[in-house]
Amino acid sequence: MPAITFDPKSIQKCVKAQAWTDGPASHIERMGSGPPYTLTSPAGQLPPANAFWSVTMYDGKTPLLIDNPINRYLVNGLTLPDLKKNADGSFTIYMQKDSPGAVKESNWLPAPDGPIYVVMRIYWPKETALNGSWKPPAVQLTK
């Protein structure tokens, strides 16, 4: 389950969820270097933001953005129209080293050959993000 961390100085400005995986801590060390990972946002359950939200992937070794062939470093409300939705209205972000294929590439966050971590940020969060009634989707290991 992803952990939600709060910055007490700016709790009304931004909520961050560091979404790793549902697995044990040792699983995190392999994230990005093995099988692909996905993050699926159910239909109608976008991050509750009055301003905007983002999902950003970082290199787990350097905490920097990941240089990649398609120059994509995040998915957010502005990129949402470019994402391919699933049949049920949800959308899935594919986090892996190699392209998931032409049909899914619009939803691809290219990962390095090594560890990664993913941060979801909600700027000017709505009450449901602050009181915990909305839960961020978990990063899942794709089998």
Protein backbone atom coordinates (compact mmCIF):
# COMPACT_ATOMS: atom_id res chain seq x y z
CA MET A 1 0.00 0.00 0.00
CA PRO A 2 1.47 3.40 -0.89
CA ALA A 3 2.44 5.62 2.00
CA ILE A 4 1.10 9.15 2.13
CA THR A 5 3.57 11.64 3.53
CA PHE A 6 2.55 15.13 4.62
CA ASP A 7 4.67 18.24 4.75
CA PRO A 8 3.33 20.08 7.84
CA LYS A 9 4.45 23.45 6.44
CA SER A 10 2.35 23.12 3.30
CA ILE A 11 -0.35 20.54 3.97
CA GLN A 12 -2.98 22.68 2.28
CA LYS A 13 -0.73 23.22 -0.74
CA CYS A 14 0.47 19.76 -1.69
CA VAL A 15 -0.06 16.13 -0.71
CA LYS A 16 2.55 13.59 -1.81
CA ALA A 17 2.06 9.86 -2.10
CA GLN A 18 5.16 7.80 -2.69
CA ALA A 19 3.74 4.78 -4.45
CA TRP A 20 6.18 1.91 -4.55
CA THR A 21 4.63 -1.55 -4.76
CA ASP A 22 2.41 -3.83 -2.72
CA GLY A 23 5.37 -6.11 -2.05
CA PRO A 24 8.03 -6.24 0.66
CA ALA A 25 10.83 -3.68 0.90
CA SER A 26 13.24 -5.99 -0.96
CA HIS A 27 10.88 -5.77 -3.93
CA ILE A 28 11.46 -2.00 -4.10
CA GLU A 29 15.15 -2.51 -4.73
CA ARG A 30 14.34 -4.34 -7.97
CA MET A 31 11.67 -1.91 -9.17
CA GLY A 32 12.49 -0.84 -12.71
CA SER A 33 15.13 -3.46 -13.40
CA GLY A 34 12.89 -6.49 -13.80
CA PRO A 35 9.32 -7.02 -14.92
CA PRO A 36 7.24 -3.97 -15.85
CA TYR A 37 5.10 -2.07 -13.36
CA THR A 38 1.74 -0.39 -13.80
CA LEU A 39 -0.32 2.20 -11.98
CA THR A 40 -4.03 2.16 -12.84
CA SER A 41 -6.36 5.00 -11.90
CA PRO A 42 -9.96 3.76 -11.79
CA ALA A 43 -12.55 5.55 -13.91
CA GLY A 44 -13.79 8.72 -12.23
CA GLN A 45 -11.17 8.55 -9.46
CA LEU A 46 -8.49 10.98 -10.59
CA PRO A 47 -6.35 12.48 -7.84
CA PRO A 48 -8.60 15.05 -6.10
CA ALA A 49 -6.93 18.38 -6.82
CA ASN A 50 -8.26 21.91 -6.95
CA ALA A 51 -5.13 22.93 -8.89
CA PHE A 52 -3.36 19.96 -10.50
CA TRP A 53 -1.82 16.54 -9.88
CA SER A 54 1.18 14.66 -11.23
CA VAL A 55 2.81 11.23 -11.21
CA THR A 56 6.58 11.53 -11.64
CA MET A 57 9.15 8.74 -11.85
CA TYR A 58 12.71 9.18 -10.58
CA ASP A 59 15.92 7.22 -10.85
CA GLY A 60 16.28 5.28 -7.60
CA LYS A 61 20.08 5.66 -7.61
CA THR A 62 20.40 9.41 -8.18
CA PRO A 63 16.89 10.84 -7.27
CA LEU A 64 16.92 12.62 -10.66
CA LEU A 65 14.50 12.47 -13.54
CA ILE A 66 15.21 9.66 -16.00
CA ASP A 67 16.69 10.52 -19.37
CA ASN A 68 14.63 8.62 -21.94
CA PRO A 69 14.04 8.43 -25.70
CA ILE A 70 10.56 10.02 -25.64
CA ASN A 71 11.38 12.85 -23.17
CA ARG A 72 8.50 11.92 -20.86
CA TYR A 73 9.08 12.39 -17.15
CA LEU A 74 5.59 12.56 -15.71
CA VAL A 75 1.90 12.08 -16.29
CA ASN A 76 -0.47 14.76 -15.04
CA GLY A 77 -3.82 16.37 -15.63
CA LEU A 78 -2.44 18.23 -18.65
CA THR A 79 -1.26 15.02 -20.33
CA LEU A 80 -4.50 13.17 -19.51
CA PRO A 81 -6.14 13.88 -22.91
CA ASP A 82 -3.18 12.12 -24.60
CA LEU A 83 -3.54 8.94 -22.52
CA LYS A 84 -5.33 5.91 -23.89
CA LYS A 85 -8.16 4.88 -21.59
CA ASN A 86 -9.03 1.28 -20.80
CA ALA A 87 -12.45 -0.12 -21.83
CA ASP A 88 -13.86 0.61 -18.35
CA GLY A 89 -12.76 4.28 -18.44
CA SER A 90 -9.71 3.80 -16.21
CA PHE A 91 -6.20 4.55 -17.43
CA THR A 92 -2.98 2.65 -16.84
CA ILE A 93 0.54 4.08 -16.69
CA TYR A 94 3.22 1.60 -17.82
CA MET A 95 6.55 2.01 -16.01
CA GLN A 96 9.21 -0.12 -17.64
CA LYS A 97 12.46 0.08 -19.57
CA ASP A 98 11.14 -1.02 -22.96
CA SER A 99 8.10 0.32 -24.78
CA PRO A 100 4.90 -1.56 -23.94
CA GLY A 101 4.05 -1.46 -27.66
CA ALA A 102 2.65 1.15 -30.02
CA VAL A 103 -0.92 0.89 -28.69
CA LYS A 104 0.16 1.56 -25.07
CA GLU A 105 3.10 3.90 -25.69
CA SER A 106 1.04 7.05 -24.97
CA ASN A 107 0.78 5.76 -21.37
CA TRP A 108 4.46 4.79 -21.00
CA LEU A 109 6.86 6.30 -18.46
CA PRO A 110 10.26 4.96 -19.57
CA ALA A 111 12.28 3.48 -16.70
CA PRO A 112 16.04 2.97 -16.45
CA ASP A 113 17.73 -0.39 -16.10
CA GLY A 114 17.79 -0.07 -12.32
CA PRO A 115 15.73 1.04 -9.34
CA ILE A 116 13.05 3.71 -9.60
CA TYR A 117 10.61 5.43 -7.33
CA VAL A 118 7.32 7.08 -8.18
CA VAL A 119 5.79 10.13 -6.51
CA MET A 120 2.21 11.30 -6.91
CA ARG A 121 1.67 14.94 -5.99
CA ILE A 122 -1.66 16.68 -5.49
CA TYR A 123 -1.46 20.47 -5.48
CA TRP A 124 -4.17 22.32 -3.60
CA PRO A 125 -5.68 18.99 -2.59
CA LYS A 126 -9.40 18.56 -2.08
CA GLU A 127 -10.68 17.48 1.32
CA THR A 128 -10.91 13.81 0.25
CA ALA A 129 -7.11 13.75 -0.25
CA LEU A 130 -6.50 15.37 3.12
CA ASN A 131 -8.86 13.24 5.19
CA GLY A 132 -7.81 9.94 3.61
CA SER A 133 -11.16 9.02 2.07
CA TRP A 134 -9.47 8.99 -1.38
CA LYS A 135 -6.63 6.47 -1.67
CA PRO A 136 -3.89 6.74 -4.31
CA PRO A 137 -3.62 3.74 -6.61
CA ALA A 138 -0.79 1.33 -5.85
CA VAL A 139 2.04 0.52 -8.22
CA GLN A 140 1.60 -3.10 -9.30
CA LEU A 141 4.12 -5.61 -10.57
CA THR A 142 2.95 -6.73 -14.01
CA LYS A 143 3.04 -10.46 -14.50
